[in-house]
Amino acid sequence: MADTQNAALTTGAASDAPAPAQILAADVHATLRRALIGAFQKGALPGENEGFDDAACEAAAEFTLIALARRQSADATLLIETVAGQASQRHMRLAIINDDMPFLVDSIAATISGFGLAIDRVIHPVLALRRDNDGVLSEIFADDAPGERRESVIYLEIERADAKLRKQLEAGLVAALADVRAAVTDWPALQAAMLADAATLADGE
């Protein structure tokens, strides 16, 4: 996992990243996997369910859990994998884990589209969860669980790209996620500055 432009970026095939089984105890892994499958099934819009049967949902949850299992900072985690198969079934899938904040899905979709890649599926549950001091995931709550940490989980299936374009896409997504974080972080300060400026004007309107 490389720290690039304030985002934690996991690159390469999913097999290059630590599997949940290497991070989580077997019983915890199974419980988290079930919870994530439920969140994917519950959170998928009707159009996103097409071709997303139980087996596909389980595979997506297992892939996403690789990215979700450990997150040690506030930076985003991105995992990307090329899925092999028949020509009509080849695609890339991405899992992006981030603190819950506005503009994430739109910014990610705009970045992917900017590289001329079609997006076939987006599933975006916002999870209430708990991590230990090392950032290892220990629990996913079925409900909102007020007071618990909330993280945005974005799973995408997109058009397959060659290695060069894929690297460019990774860098573009890292930059977009950093821009979103900066904009959201700066917004309260910007509002305060605007209100302070407005208070100095003679015309109240």
N, C-alpha and C. Protein backbone atom coordinates (compact mmCIF):
# COMPACT_ATOMS: atom_id res chain seq x y z
N MET A 1 0.86 -1.18 0.00
CA MET A 1 0.00 0.00 0.00
C MET A 1 0.90 1.23 0.00
N ALA A 2 0.76 2.06 -1.00
CA ALA A 2 1.65 3.21 -1.13
C ALA A 2 0.91 4.49 -0.83
N ASP A 3 1.58 5.38 -0.11
CA ASP A 3 0.97 6.66 0.23
C ASP A 3 1.28 7.65 -0.89
N THR A 4 0.27 8.03 -1.66
CA THR A 4 0.45 8.91 -2.81
C THR A 4 -0.58 10.02 -2.76
N GLN A 5 -0.13 11.26 -2.77
CA GLN A 5 -1.02 12.41 -2.80
C GLN A 5 -2.11 12.31 -1.72
N ASN A 6 -1.68 11.95 -0.50
CA ASN A 6 -2.61 11.89 0.63
C ASN A 6 -3.68 10.82 0.51
N ALA A 7 -3.47 9.82 -0.33
CA ALA A 7 -4.43 8.72 -0.38
C ALA A 7 -3.67 7.42 -0.30
N ALA A 8 -4.19 6.47 0.46
CA ALA A 8 -3.58 5.15 0.53
C ALA A 8 -4.06 4.36 -0.67
N LEU A 9 -3.14 3.96 -1.52
CA LEU A 9 -3.51 3.35 -2.79
C LEU A 9 -2.98 1.93 -2.85
N THR A 10 -3.87 0.97 -2.97
CA THR A 10 -3.49 -0.41 -3.17
C THR A 10 -3.59 -0.69 -4.65
N THR A 11 -2.49 -1.06 -5.28
CA THR A 11 -2.49 -1.25 -6.72
C THR A 11 -2.27 -2.72 -7.05
N GLY A 12 -2.46 -3.02 -8.33
CA GLY A 12 -2.25 -4.38 -8.80
C GLY A 12 -3.47 -5.24 -8.58
N ALA A 13 -3.33 -6.51 -8.87
CA ALA A 13 -4.44 -7.44 -8.67
C ALA A 13 -4.74 -7.59 -7.20
N ALA A 14 -5.96 -8.03 -6.92
CA ALA A 14 -6.35 -8.17 -5.52
C ALA A 14 -5.43 -9.14 -4.78
N SER A 15 -4.85 -10.10 -5.50
CA SER A 15 -3.98 -11.07 -4.85
C SER A 15 -2.71 -10.43 -4.31
N ASP A 16 -2.36 -9.22 -4.80
CA ASP A 16 -1.18 -8.52 -4.31
C ASP A 16 -1.42 -7.88 -2.95
N ALA A 17 -2.66 -7.69 -2.57
CA ALA A 17 -2.99 -7.07 -1.29
C ALA A 17 -3.24 -8.16 -0.24
N PRO A 18 -3.03 -7.85 1.04
CA PRO A 18 -3.28 -8.86 2.07
C PRO A 18 -4.74 -9.30 2.05
N ALA A 19 -4.97 -10.59 2.01
CA ALA A 19 -6.33 -11.11 2.05
C ALA A 19 -6.91 -10.93 3.44
N PRO A 20 -8.24 -10.80 3.55
CA PRO A 20 -8.85 -10.66 4.87
C PRO A 20 -8.45 -11.79 5.81
N ALA A 21 -8.28 -13.00 5.24
CA ALA A 21 -7.92 -14.14 6.08
C ALA A 21 -6.57 -13.95 6.75
N GLN A 22 -5.71 -13.09 6.16
CA GLN A 22 -4.41 -12.82 6.77
C GLN A 22 -4.49 -11.73 7.84
N ILE A 23 -5.60 -11.04 7.90
CA ILE A 23 -5.77 -9.93 8.82
C ILE A 23 -6.79 -10.25 9.91
N LEU A 24 -7.88 -10.92 9.51
CA LEU A 24 -9.01 -11.15 10.40
C LEU A 24 -9.06 -12.60 10.86
N ALA A 25 -9.53 -12.81 12.07
CA ALA A 25 -9.81 -14.17 12.53
C ALA A 25 -10.92 -14.77 11.67
N ALA A 26 -10.91 -16.08 11.51
CA ALA A 26 -11.83 -16.74 10.59
C ALA A 26 -13.29 -16.44 10.92
N ASP A 27 -13.65 -16.46 12.21
CA ASP A 27 -15.05 -16.21 12.57
C ASP A 27 -15.43 -14.76 12.32
N VAL A 28 -14.49 -13.83 12.57
CA VAL A 28 -14.76 -12.42 12.31
C VAL A 28 -14.90 -12.18 10.81
N HIS A 29 -13.99 -12.80 10.03
CA HIS A 29 -14.05 -12.69 8.57
C HIS A 29 -15.42 -13.13 8.06
N ALA A 30 -15.90 -14.26 8.52
CA ALA A 30 -17.18 -14.78 8.06
C ALA A 30 -18.32 -13.85 8.44
N THR A 31 -18.30 -13.32 9.65
CA THR A 31 -19.35 -12.42 10.10
C THR A 31 -19.35 -11.12 9.30
N LEU A 32 -18.16 -10.56 9.08
CA LEU A 32 -18.07 -9.32 8.31
C LEU A 32 -18.48 -9.54 6.86
N ARG A 33 -18.11 -10.66 6.32
CA ARG A 33 -18.48 -10.98 4.93
C ARG A 33 -19.99 -11.06 4.78
N ARG A 34 -20.66 -11.71 5.72
CA ARG A 34 -22.13 -11.79 5.68
C ARG A 34 -22.75 -10.40 5.78
N ALA A 35 -22.21 -9.58 6.68
CA ALA A 35 -22.75 -8.23 6.86
C ALA A 35 -22.57 -7.40 5.60
N LEU A 36 -21.43 -7.55 4.94
CA LEU A 36 -21.17 -6.78 3.72
C LEU A 36 -22.04 -7.26 2.57
N ILE A 37 -22.26 -8.56 2.47
CA ILE A 37 -23.18 -9.08 1.45
C ILE A 37 -24.57 -8.49 1.67
N GLY A 38 -25.03 -8.46 2.91
CA GLY A 38 -26.33 -7.88 3.22
C GLY A 38 -26.40 -6.41 2.85
N ALA A 39 -25.33 -5.67 3.12
CA ALA A 39 -25.30 -4.24 2.79
C ALA A 39 -25.32 -4.04 1.29
N PHE A 40 -24.62 -4.89 0.53
CA PHE A 40 -24.63 -4.79 -0.92
C PHE A 40 -26.01 -5.10 -1.49
N GLN A 41 -26.64 -6.14 -0.96
CA GLN A 41 -27.97 -6.51 -1.45
C GLN A 41 -29.00 -5.44 -1.10
N LYS A 42 -28.89 -4.89 0.09
CA LYS A 42 -29.84 -3.87 0.53
C LYS A 42 -29.60 -2.54 -0.18
N GLY A 43 -28.32 -2.22 -0.44
CA GLY A 43 -27.99 -0.91 -0.97
C GLY A 43 -28.03 -0.80 -2.47
N ALA A 44 -28.11 -1.92 -3.18
CA ALA A 44 -28.09 -1.87 -4.64
C ALA A 44 -29.43 -1.35 -5.18
N LEU A 45 -29.38 -0.36 -6.03
CA LEU A 45 -30.59 0.13 -6.69
C LEU A 45 -31.07 -0.91 -7.69
N PRO A 46 -32.36 -0.87 -8.06
CA PRO A 46 -32.90 -1.90 -8.97
C PRO A 46 -32.07 -2.11 -10.22
N GLY A 47 -31.61 -1.04 -10.86
CA GLY A 47 -30.83 -1.18 -12.07
C GLY A 47 -29.47 -1.80 -11.85
N GLU A 48 -28.95 -1.65 -10.62
CA GLU A 48 -27.63 -2.20 -10.31
C GLU A 48 -27.68 -3.69 -10.00
N ASN A 49 -28.87 -4.23 -9.80
CA ASN A 49 -29.01 -5.64 -9.48
C ASN A 49 -28.96 -6.55 -10.70
N GLU A 50 -29.05 -5.97 -11.88
CA GLU A 50 -29.09 -6.77 -13.10
C GLU A 50 -27.78 -7.55 -13.26
N GLY A 51 -27.89 -8.86 -13.36
CA GLY A 51 -26.71 -9.69 -13.49
C GLY A 51 -25.90 -9.81 -12.21
N PHE A 52 -26.48 -9.37 -11.10
CA PHE A 52 -25.78 -9.37 -9.82
C PHE A 52 -26.48 -10.37 -8.90
N ASP A 53 -26.30 -11.65 -9.22
CA ASP A 53 -26.96 -12.70 -8.44
C ASP A 53 -26.19 -12.94 -7.15
N ASP A 54 -26.63 -13.93 -6.39
CA ASP A 54 -26.01 -14.18 -5.08
C ASP A 54 -24.52 -14.45 -5.20
N ALA A 55 -24.13 -15.24 -6.21
CA ALA A 55 -22.71 -15.57 -6.37
C ALA A 55 -21.89 -14.33 -6.71
N ALA A 56 -22.43 -13.47 -7.58
CA ALA A 56 -21.71 -12.25 -7.96
C ALA A 56 -21.61 -11.30 -6.77
N CYS A 57 -22.67 -11.22 -5.98
CA CYS A 57 -22.66 -10.36 -4.79
C CYS A 57 -21.65 -10.85 -3.78
N GLU A 58 -21.58 -12.16 -3.58
CA GLU A 58 -20.61 -12.72 -2.63
C GLU A 58 -19.18 -12.46 -3.09
N ALA A 59 -18.93 -12.59 -4.40
CA ALA A 59 -17.59 -12.33 -4.92
C ALA A 59 -17.23 -10.85 -4.76
N ALA A 60 -18.19 -9.96 -5.00
CA ALA A 60 -17.95 -8.53 -4.84
C ALA A 60 -17.66 -8.19 -3.39
N ALA A 61 -18.40 -8.80 -2.47
CA ALA A 61 -18.20 -8.54 -1.05
C ALA A 61 -16.83 -9.04 -0.60
N GLU A 62 -16.44 -10.22 -1.06
CA GLU A 62 -15.13 -10.76 -0.68
C GLU A 62 -14.00 -9.87 -1.19
N PHE A 63 -14.13 -9.39 -2.41
CA PHE A 63 -13.13 -8.48 -2.99
C PHE A 63 -13.07 -7.18 -2.19
N THR A 64 -14.23 -6.61 -1.90
CA THR A 64 -14.28 -5.33 -1.19
C THR A 64 -13.74 -5.46 0.22
N LEU A 65 -13.94 -6.61 0.83
CA LEU A 65 -13.46 -6.83 2.20
C LEU A 65 -11.94 -6.76 2.27
N ILE A 66 -11.26 -7.05 1.17
CA ILE A 66 -9.79 -6.92 1.14
C ILE A 66 -9.40 -5.47 1.41
N ALA A 67 -10.12 -4.54 0.76
CA ALA A 67 -9.83 -3.12 0.95
C ALA A 67 -10.33 -2.62 2.30
N LEU A 68 -11.40 -3.21 2.79
CA LEU A 68 -12.06 -2.72 4.00
C LEU A 68 -11.43 -3.25 5.28
N ALA A 69 -10.75 -4.39 5.18
CA ALA A 69 -10.31 -5.11 6.39
C ALA A 69 -9.38 -4.28 7.28
N ARG A 70 -8.52 -3.47 6.66
CA ARG A 70 -7.64 -2.62 7.48
C ARG A 70 -7.53 -1.25 6.83
N ARG A 71 -7.76 -0.22 7.62
CA ARG A 71 -7.59 1.17 7.17
C ARG A 71 -7.02 1.94 8.34
N GLN A 72 -5.76 2.32 8.21
CA GLN A 72 -5.03 2.84 9.37
C GLN A 72 -5.01 4.36 9.46
N SER A 73 -5.56 5.05 8.48
CA SER A 73 -5.57 6.51 8.53
C SER A 73 -6.87 7.00 7.90
N ALA A 74 -7.04 8.32 7.85
CA ALA A 74 -8.23 8.89 7.24
C ALA A 74 -8.15 8.89 5.72
N ASP A 75 -6.99 8.55 5.16
CA ASP A 75 -6.84 8.55 3.71
C ASP A 75 -7.70 7.45 3.09
N ALA A 76 -8.06 7.67 1.84
CA ALA A 76 -8.87 6.69 1.12
C ALA A 76 -8.04 5.46 0.78
N THR A 77 -8.71 4.32 0.69
CA THR A 77 -8.09 3.09 0.22
C THR A 77 -8.75 2.69 -1.09
N LEU A 78 -7.95 2.38 -2.09
CA LEU A 78 -8.46 2.00 -3.40
C LEU A 78 -7.85 0.66 -3.80
N LEU A 79 -8.68 -0.25 -4.22
CA LEU A 79 -8.23 -1.56 -4.70
C LEU A 79 -8.84 -1.78 -6.07
N ILE A 80 -8.03 -2.21 -7.03
CA ILE A 80 -8.50 -2.41 -8.39
C ILE A 80 -8.01 -3.76 -8.89
N GLU A 81 -8.87 -4.45 -9.63
CA GLU A 81 -8.54 -5.78 -10.10
C GLU A 81 -9.18 -5.99 -11.48
N THR A 82 -8.44 -6.62 -12.38
CA THR A 82 -8.98 -7.01 -13.67
C THR A 82 -9.59 -8.40 -13.53
N VAL A 83 -10.84 -8.54 -13.95
CA VAL A 83 -11.56 -9.81 -13.85
C VAL A 83 -11.52 -10.49 -15.20
N ALA A 84 -10.95 -11.67 -15.25
CA ALA A 84 -10.83 -12.42 -16.49
C ALA A 84 -12.13 -13.15 -16.79
N GLY A 85 -12.20 -13.77 -17.95
CA GLY A 85 -13.39 -14.52 -18.35
C GLY A 85 -13.57 -14.42 -19.84
N GLN A 86 -14.74 -14.79 -20.31
CA GLN A 86 -15.05 -14.66 -21.72
C GLN A 86 -15.00 -13.19 -22.10
N ALA A 87 -14.80 -12.94 -23.40
CA ALA A 87 -14.62 -11.56 -23.86
C ALA A 87 -15.72 -10.64 -23.37
N SER A 88 -16.95 -11.11 -23.37
CA SER A 88 -18.08 -10.27 -22.96
C SER A 88 -18.15 -10.06 -21.46
N GLN A 89 -17.36 -10.83 -20.70
CA GLN A 89 -17.43 -10.76 -19.25
C GLN A 89 -16.20 -10.11 -18.63
N ARG A 90 -15.18 -9.78 -19.41
CA ARG A 90 -13.98 -9.18 -18.87
C ARG A 90 -14.24 -7.73 -18.46
N HIS A 91 -13.79 -7.40 -17.28
CA HIS A 91 -13.98 -6.04 -16.80
C HIS A 91 -13.01 -5.77 -15.65
N MET A 92 -13.02 -4.57 -15.15
CA MET A 92 -12.27 -4.24 -13.94
C MET A 92 -13.26 -3.97 -12.82
N ARG A 93 -12.84 -4.26 -11.61
CA ARG A 93 -13.66 -3.90 -10.47
C ARG A 93 -12.81 -3.12 -9.49
N LEU A 94 -13.46 -2.19 -8.84
CA LEU A 94 -12.77 -1.30 -7.90
C LEU A 94 -13.52 -1.29 -6.57
N ALA A 95 -12.76 -1.21 -5.51
CA ALA A 95 -13.34 -0.97 -4.18
C ALA A 95 -12.65 0.26 -3.61
N ILE A 96 -13.43 1.25 -3.22
CA ILE A 96 -12.89 2.49 -2.69
C ILE A 96 -13.51 2.72 -1.31
N ILE A 97 -12.67 2.82 -0.31
CA ILE A 97 -13.11 3.01 1.07
C ILE A 97 -12.67 4.40 1.52
N ASN A 98 -13.59 5.18 2.05
CA ASN A 98 -13.28 6.55 2.43
C ASN A 98 -14.18 6.97 3.58
N ASP A 99 -13.77 7.98 4.33
CA ASP A 99 -14.69 8.58 5.29
C ASP A 99 -15.92 9.05 4.52
N ASP A 100 -17.08 8.94 5.12
CA ASP A 100 -18.31 9.37 4.44
C ASP A 100 -18.31 10.89 4.30
N MET A 101 -18.47 11.35 3.07
CA MET A 101 -18.50 12.80 2.80
C MET A 101 -19.20 13.03 1.47
N PRO A 102 -19.63 14.26 1.21
CA PRO A 102 -20.32 14.54 -0.06
C PRO A 102 -19.39 14.41 -1.26
N PHE A 103 -20.01 14.30 -2.42
CA PHE A 103 -19.35 14.40 -3.74
C PHE A 103 -18.52 13.19 -4.13
N LEU A 104 -18.46 12.15 -3.32
CA LEU A 104 -17.57 11.03 -3.61
C LEU A 104 -17.96 10.31 -4.90
N VAL A 105 -19.20 9.83 -4.97
CA VAL A 105 -19.60 9.02 -6.12
C VAL A 105 -19.54 9.84 -7.41
N ASP A 106 -20.04 11.07 -7.37
CA ASP A 106 -20.02 11.91 -8.57
C ASP A 106 -18.59 12.17 -9.02
N SER A 107 -17.69 12.44 -8.10
CA SER A 107 -16.29 12.73 -8.45
C SER A 107 -15.61 11.49 -9.02
N ILE A 108 -15.86 10.34 -8.42
CA ILE A 108 -15.28 9.09 -8.91
C ILE A 108 -15.82 8.76 -10.30
N ALA A 109 -17.14 8.89 -10.48
CA ALA A 109 -17.74 8.59 -11.78
C ALA A 109 -17.23 9.53 -12.85
N ALA A 110 -17.09 10.81 -12.52
CA ALA A 110 -16.59 11.79 -13.49
C ALA A 110 -15.15 11.47 -13.88
N THR A 111 -14.35 11.04 -12.92
CA THR A 111 -12.96 10.70 -13.21
C THR A 111 -12.88 9.49 -14.14
N ILE A 112 -13.64 8.47 -13.84
CA ILE A 112 -13.63 7.26 -14.68
C ILE A 112 -14.12 7.59 -16.09
N SER A 113 -15.21 8.34 -16.17
CA SER A 113 -15.75 8.71 -17.49
C SER A 113 -14.77 9.58 -18.26
N GLY A 114 -14.00 10.39 -17.55
CA GLY A 114 -13.01 11.24 -18.19
C GLY A 114 -11.92 10.46 -18.91
N PHE A 115 -11.72 9.21 -18.52
CA PHE A 115 -10.77 8.34 -19.20
C PHE A 115 -11.46 7.51 -20.30
N GLY A 116 -12.72 7.81 -20.57
CA GLY A 116 -13.44 7.12 -21.63
C GLY A 116 -13.86 5.71 -21.29
N LEU A 117 -13.94 5.39 -20.01
CA LEU A 117 -14.32 4.04 -19.57
C LEU A 117 -15.77 4.01 -19.12
N ALA A 118 -16.49 3.02 -19.58
CA ALA A 118 -17.90 2.87 -19.21
C ALA A 118 -18.01 2.26 -17.82
N ILE A 119 -18.98 2.73 -17.06
CA ILE A 119 -19.26 2.21 -15.72
C ILE A 119 -20.49 1.30 -15.82
N ASP A 120 -20.32 0.04 -15.44
CA ASP A 120 -21.40 -0.93 -15.56
C ASP A 120 -22.19 -1.11 -14.26
N ARG A 121 -21.53 -0.85 -13.14
CA ARG A 121 -22.23 -1.06 -11.87
C ARG A 121 -21.60 -0.20 -10.78
N VAL A 122 -22.45 0.42 -9.96
CA VAL A 122 -21.99 1.15 -8.78
C VAL A 122 -22.86 0.74 -7.60
N ILE A 123 -22.25 0.26 -6.55
CA ILE A 123 -22.97 -0.06 -5.32
C ILE A 123 -22.29 0.72 -4.19
N HIS A 124 -23.10 1.46 -3.43
CA HIS A 124 -22.51 2.43 -2.50
C HIS A 124 -23.21 2.41 -1.15
N PRO A 125 -22.94 1.40 -0.33
CA PRO A 125 -23.45 1.47 1.04
C PRO A 125 -22.56 2.36 1.91
N VAL A 126 -23.17 3.05 2.84
CA VAL A 126 -22.42 3.78 3.87
C VAL A 126 -22.57 2.96 5.15
N LEU A 127 -21.47 2.49 5.67
CA LEU A 127 -21.50 1.54 6.77
C LEU A 127 -21.14 2.19 8.10
N ALA A 128 -21.90 1.83 9.11
CA ALA A 128 -21.49 2.11 10.49
C ALA A 128 -20.64 0.93 10.92
N LEU A 129 -19.43 1.21 11.37
CA LEU A 129 -18.50 0.12 11.67
C LEU A 129 -17.57 0.48 12.82
N ARG A 130 -16.81 -0.50 13.22
CA ARG A 130 -15.86 -0.30 14.32
C ARG A 130 -14.52 -0.92 13.94
N ARG A 131 -13.43 -0.19 14.25
CA ARG A 131 -12.08 -0.67 14.01
C ARG A 131 -11.29 -0.64 15.32
N ASP A 132 -10.24 -1.47 15.39
CA ASP A 132 -9.38 -1.40 16.57
C ASP A 132 -8.32 -0.32 16.39
N ASN A 133 -7.40 -0.22 17.31
CA ASN A 133 -6.40 0.85 17.27
C ASN A 133 -5.45 0.73 16.08
N ASP A 134 -5.36 -0.44 15.48
CA ASP A 134 -4.52 -0.65 14.31
C ASP A 134 -5.29 -0.50 13.00
N GLY A 135 -6.55 -0.07 13.11
CA GLY A 135 -7.36 0.12 11.91
C GLY A 135 -7.99 -1.15 11.37
N VAL A 136 -7.88 -2.24 12.11
CA VAL A 136 -8.46 -3.51 11.65
C VAL A 136 -9.96 -3.52 11.94
N LEU A 137 -10.72 -3.87 10.94
CA LEU A 137 -12.18 -3.90 11.06
C LEU A 137 -12.61 -5.00 12.01
N SER A 138 -13.49 -4.66 12.94
CA SER A 138 -13.96 -5.66 13.90
C SER A 138 -15.46 -5.88 13.85
N GLU A 139 -16.21 -4.89 13.36
CA GLU A 139 -17.68 -5.04 13.36
C GLU A 139 -18.30 -4.12 12.32
N ILE A 140 -19.32 -4.64 11.63
CA ILE A 140 -20.18 -3.85 10.75
C ILE A 140 -21.58 -3.92 11.34
N PHE A 141 -22.17 -2.76 11.62
CA PHE A 141 -23.49 -2.73 12.25
C PHE A 141 -24.58 -2.77 11.19
N ALA A 142 -25.65 -3.49 11.50
CA ALA A 142 -26.75 -3.62 10.55
C ALA A 142 -27.52 -2.31 10.40
N ASP A 143 -27.57 -1.52 11.47
CA ASP A 143 -28.28 -0.25 11.45
C ASP A 143 -27.28 0.90 11.51
N ASP A 144 -27.80 2.12 11.60
CA ASP A 144 -26.94 3.29 11.57
C ASP A 144 -25.99 3.35 12.76
N ALA A 145 -26.41 2.82 13.91
CA ALA A 145 -25.56 2.79 15.11
C ALA A 145 -24.98 4.16 15.41
N PRO A 146 -25.81 5.10 15.89
CA PRO A 146 -25.32 6.45 16.19
C PRO A 146 -24.09 6.42 17.09
N GLY A 147 -23.15 7.29 16.79
CA GLY A 147 -21.92 7.36 17.57
C GLY A 147 -20.80 6.50 17.04
N GLU A 148 -21.11 5.55 16.15
CA GLU A 148 -20.07 4.72 15.58
C GLU A 148 -19.50 5.38 14.32
N ARG A 149 -18.32 4.96 13.95
CA ARG A 149 -17.65 5.47 12.76
C ARG A 149 -18.46 5.11 11.51
N ARG A 150 -18.50 6.04 10.55
CA ARG A 150 -19.21 5.79 9.29
C ARG A 150 -18.21 5.92 8.14
N GLU A 151 -18.19 4.90 7.28
CA GLU A 151 -17.30 4.93 6.13
C GLU A 151 -18.09 4.63 4.86
N SER A 152 -17.68 5.31 3.81
CA SER A 152 -18.29 5.13 2.50
C SER A 152 -17.61 3.97 1.79
N VAL A 153 -18.40 3.00 1.35
CA VAL A 153 -17.89 1.85 0.61
C VAL A 153 -18.44 1.93 -0.81
N ILE A 154 -17.56 2.07 -1.78
CA ILE A 154 -17.99 2.20 -3.17
C ILE A 154 -17.40 1.05 -3.96
N TYR A 155 -18.26 0.21 -4.51
CA TYR A 155 -17.86 -0.91 -5.35
C TYR A 155 -18.30 -0.60 -6.78
N LEU A 156 -17.36 -0.70 -7.72
CA LEU A 156 -17.68 -0.40 -9.12
C LEU A 156 -17.19 -1.52 -10.03
N GLU A 157 -17.94 -1.76 -11.08
CA GLU A 157 -17.49 -2.60 -12.18
C GLU A 157 -17.45 -1.72 -13.41
N ILE A 158 -16.30 -1.68 -14.07
CA ILE A 158 -16.12 -0.76 -15.19
C ILE A 158 -15.46 -1.49 -16.35
N GLU A 159 -15.45 -0.81 -17.48
CA GLU A 159 -14.84 -1.33 -18.69
C GLU A 159 -13.36 -1.63 -18.44
N ARG A 160 -12.89 -2.71 -19.03
CA ARG A 160 -11.49 -3.10 -18.86
C ARG A 160 -10.58 -2.13 -19.60
N ALA A 161 -9.40 -1.87 -19.02
CA ALA A 161 -8.41 -0.98 -19.63
C ALA A 161 -7.05 -1.67 -19.65
N ASP A 162 -6.18 -1.23 -20.55
CA ASP A 162 -4.83 -1.79 -20.57
C ASP A 162 -4.03 -1.25 -19.38
N ALA A 163 -2.83 -1.79 -19.21
CA ALA A 163 -2.04 -1.47 -18.01
C ALA A 163 -1.73 0.02 -17.92
N LYS A 164 -1.40 0.65 -19.05
CA LYS A 164 -1.05 2.06 -19.04
C LYS A 164 -2.23 2.91 -18.60
N LEU A 165 -3.40 2.66 -19.20
CA LEU A 165 -4.58 3.44 -18.85
C LEU A 165 -5.01 3.17 -17.42
N ARG A 166 -4.83 1.95 -16.99
CA ARG A 166 -5.20 1.61 -15.62
C ARG A 166 -4.37 2.40 -14.61
N LYS A 167 -3.06 2.52 -14.87
CA LYS A 167 -2.20 3.31 -13.99
C LYS A 167 -2.64 4.78 -13.98
N GLN A 168 -3.00 5.29 -15.15
CA GLN A 168 -3.47 6.67 -15.23
C GLN A 168 -4.77 6.84 -14.46
N LEU A 169 -5.64 5.85 -14.57
CA LEU A 169 -6.91 5.89 -13.84
C LEU A 169 -6.67 5.90 -12.34
N GLU A 170 -5.77 5.04 -11.88
CA GLU A 170 -5.46 4.99 -10.45
C GLU A 170 -4.99 6.36 -9.95
N ALA A 171 -4.06 6.96 -10.70
CA ALA A 171 -3.55 8.27 -10.30
C ALA A 171 -4.65 9.32 -10.33
N GLY A 172 -5.53 9.26 -11.33
CA GLY A 172 -6.64 10.20 -11.43
C GLY A 172 -7.61 10.07 -10.28
N LEU A 173 -7.89 8.85 -9.87
CA LEU A 173 -8.81 8.63 -8.75
C LEU A 173 -8.20 9.10 -7.44
N VAL A 174 -6.90 8.85 -7.25
CA VAL A 174 -6.22 9.33 -6.04
C VAL A 174 -6.32 10.85 -5.96
N ALA A 175 -6.05 11.51 -7.08
CA ALA A 175 -6.11 12.98 -7.09
C ALA A 175 -7.53 13.47 -6.84
N ALA A 176 -8.52 12.82 -7.44
CA ALA A 176 -9.92 13.24 -7.26
C ALA A 176 -10.35 13.08 -5.80
N LEU A 177 -9.96 11.97 -5.18
CA LEU A 177 -10.33 11.74 -3.78
C LEU A 177 -9.65 12.77 -2.87
N ALA A 178 -8.40 13.11 -3.18
CA ALA A 178 -7.72 14.14 -2.40
C ALA A 178 -8.41 15.49 -2.56
N ASP A 179 -8.86 15.80 -3.78
CA ASP A 179 -9.56 17.07 -4.03
C ASP A 179 -10.87 17.12 -3.25
N VAL A 180 -11.60 16.00 -3.23
CA VAL A 180 -12.86 15.96 -2.49
C VAL A 180 -12.61 16.21 -1.01
N ARG A 181 -11.62 15.54 -0.45
CA ARG A 181 -11.31 15.72 0.97
C ARG A 181 -10.94 17.17 1.26
N ALA A 182 -10.12 17.77 0.38
CA ALA A 182 -9.71 19.16 0.60
C ALA A 182 -10.91 20.09 0.54
N ALA A 183 -11.80 19.87 -0.44
CA ALA A 183 -12.97 20.73 -0.59
C ALA A 183 -13.89 20.63 0.62
N VAL A 184 -14.13 19.39 1.07
CA VAL A 184 -15.03 19.19 2.20
C VAL A 184 -14.41 19.75 3.48
N THR A 185 -13.10 19.58 3.64
CA THR A 185 -12.42 20.09 4.83
C THR A 185 -12.41 21.61 4.85
N ASP A 186 -12.21 22.22 3.69
CA ASP A 186 -12.09 23.68 3.61
C ASP A 186 -13.44 24.40 3.65
N TRP A 187 -14.54 23.68 3.36
CA TRP A 187 -15.83 24.33 3.21
C TRP A 187 -16.27 25.10 4.46
N PRO A 188 -16.17 24.56 5.68
CA PRO A 188 -16.58 25.35 6.86
C PRO A 188 -15.77 26.63 7.01
N ALA A 189 -14.45 26.54 6.77
CA ALA A 189 -13.62 27.75 6.88
C ALA A 189 -14.00 28.77 5.81
N LEU A 190 -14.32 28.29 4.61
CA LEU A 190 -14.74 29.19 3.54
C LEU A 190 -16.06 29.87 3.89
N GLN A 191 -17.01 29.12 4.45
CA GLN A 191 -18.28 29.70 4.87
C GLN A 191 -18.05 30.78 5.92
N ALA A 192 -17.19 30.48 6.90
CA ALA A 192 -16.92 31.45 7.97
C ALA A 192 -16.30 32.72 7.41
N ALA A 193 -15.37 32.55 6.43
CA ALA A 193 -14.74 33.73 5.83
C ALA A 193 -15.74 34.57 5.06
N MET A 194 -16.65 33.91 4.34
CA MET A 194 -17.67 34.62 3.58
C MET A 194 -18.61 35.38 4.51
N LEU A 195 -19.00 34.76 5.63
CA LEU A 195 -19.88 35.42 6.58
C LEU A 195 -19.19 36.62 7.22
N ALA A 196 -17.88 36.45 7.52
CA ALA A 196 -17.14 37.55 8.12
C ALA A 196 -17.04 38.72 7.13
N ASP A 197 -16.80 38.42 5.86
CA ASP A 197 -16.73 39.48 4.84
C ASP A 197 -18.10 40.17 4.71
N ALA A 198 -19.14 39.34 4.70
CA ALA A 198 -20.50 39.91 4.54
C ALA A 198 -20.85 40.86 5.70
N ALA A 199 -20.35 40.51 6.89
CA ALA A 199 -20.67 41.33 8.07
C ALA A 199 -20.04 42.70 8.00
N THR A 200 -19.02 42.88 7.17
CA THR A 200 -18.36 44.20 7.05
C THR A 200 -19.03 45.10 6.04
N LEU A 201 -19.99 44.57 5.27
CA LEU A 201 -20.64 45.37 4.24
C LEU A 201 -21.72 46.25 4.86
N ALA A 202 -21.82 47.47 4.35
CA ALA A 202 -22.83 48.37 4.87
C ALA A 202 -24.23 47.95 4.49
N ASP A 203 -24.37 47.39 3.30
CA ASP A 203 -25.68 46.94 2.80
C ASP A 203 -25.92 45.53 3.32
N GLY A 204 -26.91 45.40 4.19
CA GLY A 204 -27.19 44.09 4.77
C GLY A 204 -27.60 43.06 3.75
N GLU A 205 -28.23 43.48 2.67
CA GLU A 205 -28.66 42.54 1.65
C GLU A 205 -27.45 41.94 0.93
